[in-house]
Amino acid sequence: MAAQTLKCRVRPADEGCLVVLNMGFGWSFYGFFIAAAVWMALYFVWALAAGARDRTSAGDDR
């Protein structure tokens, strides 16, 4: 059954059911994956910078 064919079982004036049907997963679901991707990007930037800093301080110029 598609989401468009679902009908509210509450009063027609109550729009709460329509909001729930049209909301999808919401920001709490997608926000987790967005935050994880940002964290991973920042981690790799930090790791590459730390690796370069350690190589130059050790005198190992590869």
C-alpha atoms as a PDB file:
ATOM      1  CA  MET A   1       0.000   0.000   0.000  1.00  0.00           C
ATOM      2  CA  ALA A   2       1.522   3.289  -1.074  1.00  0.00           C
ATOM      3  CA  ALA A   3       1.815   6.180   1.346  1.00  0.00           C
ATOM      4  CA  GLN A   4      -0.454   8.297  -0.832  1.00  0.00           C
ATOM      5  CA  THR A   5      -3.363   5.871  -0.495  1.00  0.00           C
ATOM      6  CA  LEU A   6      -3.281   5.775   3.308  1.00  0.00           C
ATOM      7  CA  LYS A   7      -6.098   7.615   4.974  1.00  0.00           C
ATOM      8  CA  CYS A   8      -6.235   9.077   8.460  1.00  0.00           C
ATOM      9  CA  ARG A   9      -8.427   7.229  10.912  1.00  0.00           C
ATOM     10  CA  VAL A  10      -8.922  10.385  12.945  1.00  0.00           C
ATOM     11  CA  ARG A  11     -11.076  13.430  12.419  1.00  0.00           C
ATOM     12  CA  PRO A  12     -10.531  15.048   8.973  1.00  0.00           C
ATOM     13  CA  ALA A  13      -9.722  18.364  10.675  1.00  0.00           C
ATOM     14  CA  ASP A  14      -6.782  16.774  12.503  1.00  0.00           C
ATOM     15  CA  GLU A  15      -3.715  17.237  10.284  1.00  0.00           C
ATOM     16  CA  GLY A  16      -1.345  15.369  12.610  1.00  0.00           C
ATOM     17  CA  CYS A  17      -1.770  12.155  10.676  1.00  0.00           C
ATOM     18  CA  LEU A  18      -0.923  13.872   7.386  1.00  0.00           C
ATOM     19  CA  VAL A  19       2.255  15.295   8.849  1.00  0.00           C
ATOM     20  CA  VAL A  20       3.387  11.845   9.975  1.00  0.00           C
ATOM     21  CA  LEU A  21       2.669  10.301   6.581  1.00  0.00           C
ATOM     22  CA  ASN A  22       4.508  13.022   4.664  1.00  0.00           C
ATOM     23  CA  MET A  23       7.482  13.339   7.013  1.00  0.00           C
ATOM     24  CA  GLY A  24       9.452  10.278   5.881  1.00  0.00           C
ATOM     25  CA  PHE A  25      12.385   9.370   8.097  1.00  0.00           C
ATOM     26  CA  GLY A  26      13.055  12.913   9.227  1.00  0.00           C
ATOM     27  CA  TRP A  27      16.218  14.737  10.172  1.00  0.00           C
ATOM     28  CA  SER A  28      17.005  12.516  13.136  1.00  0.00           C
ATOM     29  CA  PHE A  29      17.547   9.564  10.789  1.00  0.00           C
ATOM     30  CA  TYR A  30      19.402  11.360   8.009  1.00  0.00           C
ATOM     31  CA  GLY A  31      21.195  13.647  10.449  1.00  0.00           C
ATOM     32  CA  PHE A  32      23.034  10.668  11.922  1.00  0.00           C
ATOM     33  CA  PHE A  33      24.546   9.762   8.564  1.00  0.00           C
ATOM     34  CA  ILE A  34      25.353  13.378   7.732  1.00  0.00           C
ATOM     35  CA  ALA A  35      27.100  13.808  11.090  1.00  0.00           C
ATOM     36  CA  ALA A  36      28.995  10.529  10.588  1.00  0.00           C
ATOM     37  CA  ALA A  37      30.200  11.622   7.138  1.00  0.00           C
ATOM     38  CA  VAL A  38      31.346  15.001   8.489  1.00  0.00           C
ATOM     39  CA  TRP A  39      33.133  13.315  11.395  1.00  0.00           C
ATOM     40  CA  MET A  40      34.919  10.916   9.033  1.00  0.00           C
ATOM     41  CA  ALA A  41      35.998  13.752   6.733  1.00  0.00           C
ATOM     42  CA  LEU A  42      37.377  15.769   9.648  1.00  0.00           C
ATOM     43  CA  TYR A  43      39.128  12.681  11.026  1.00  0.00           C
ATOM     44  CA  PHE A  44      40.878  11.998   7.713  1.00  0.00           C
ATOM     45  CA  VAL A  45      41.956  15.647   7.425  1.00  0.00           C
ATOM     46  CA  TRP A  46      43.372  15.466  10.948  1.00  0.00           C
ATOM     47  CA  ALA A  47      45.029  12.078  10.326  1.00  0.00           C
ATOM     48  CA  LEU A  48      46.722  13.244   7.130  1.00  0.00           C
ATOM     49  CA  ALA A  49      47.953  16.417   8.830  1.00  0.00           C
ATOM     50  CA  ALA A  50      49.217  14.448  11.846  1.00  0.00           C
ATOM     51  CA  GLY A  51      50.971  11.962   9.590  1.00  0.00           C
ATOM     52  CA  ALA A  52      52.671  14.732   7.628  1.00  0.00           C
ATOM     53  CA  ARG A  53      53.676  16.505  10.842  1.00  0.00           C
ATOM     54  CA  ASP A  54      55.151  13.327  12.313  1.00  0.00           C
ATOM     55  CA  ARG A  55      57.119  12.560   9.148  1.00  0.00           C
ATOM     56  CA  THR A  56      58.654  16.040   9.006  1.00  0.00           C
ATOM     57  CA  SER A  57      59.493  16.100  12.718  1.00  0.00           C
ATOM     58  CA  ALA A  58      61.186  12.693  12.474  1.00  0.00           C
ATOM     59  CA  GLY A  59      63.268  13.814   9.522  1.00  0.00           C
ATOM     60  CA  ASP A  60      61.771  11.138   7.295  1.00  0.00           C
ATOM     61  CA  ASP A  61      61.028  12.911   3.987  1.00  0.00           C
ATOM     62  CA  ARG A  62      59.224  10.351   1.876  1.00  0.00           C
END
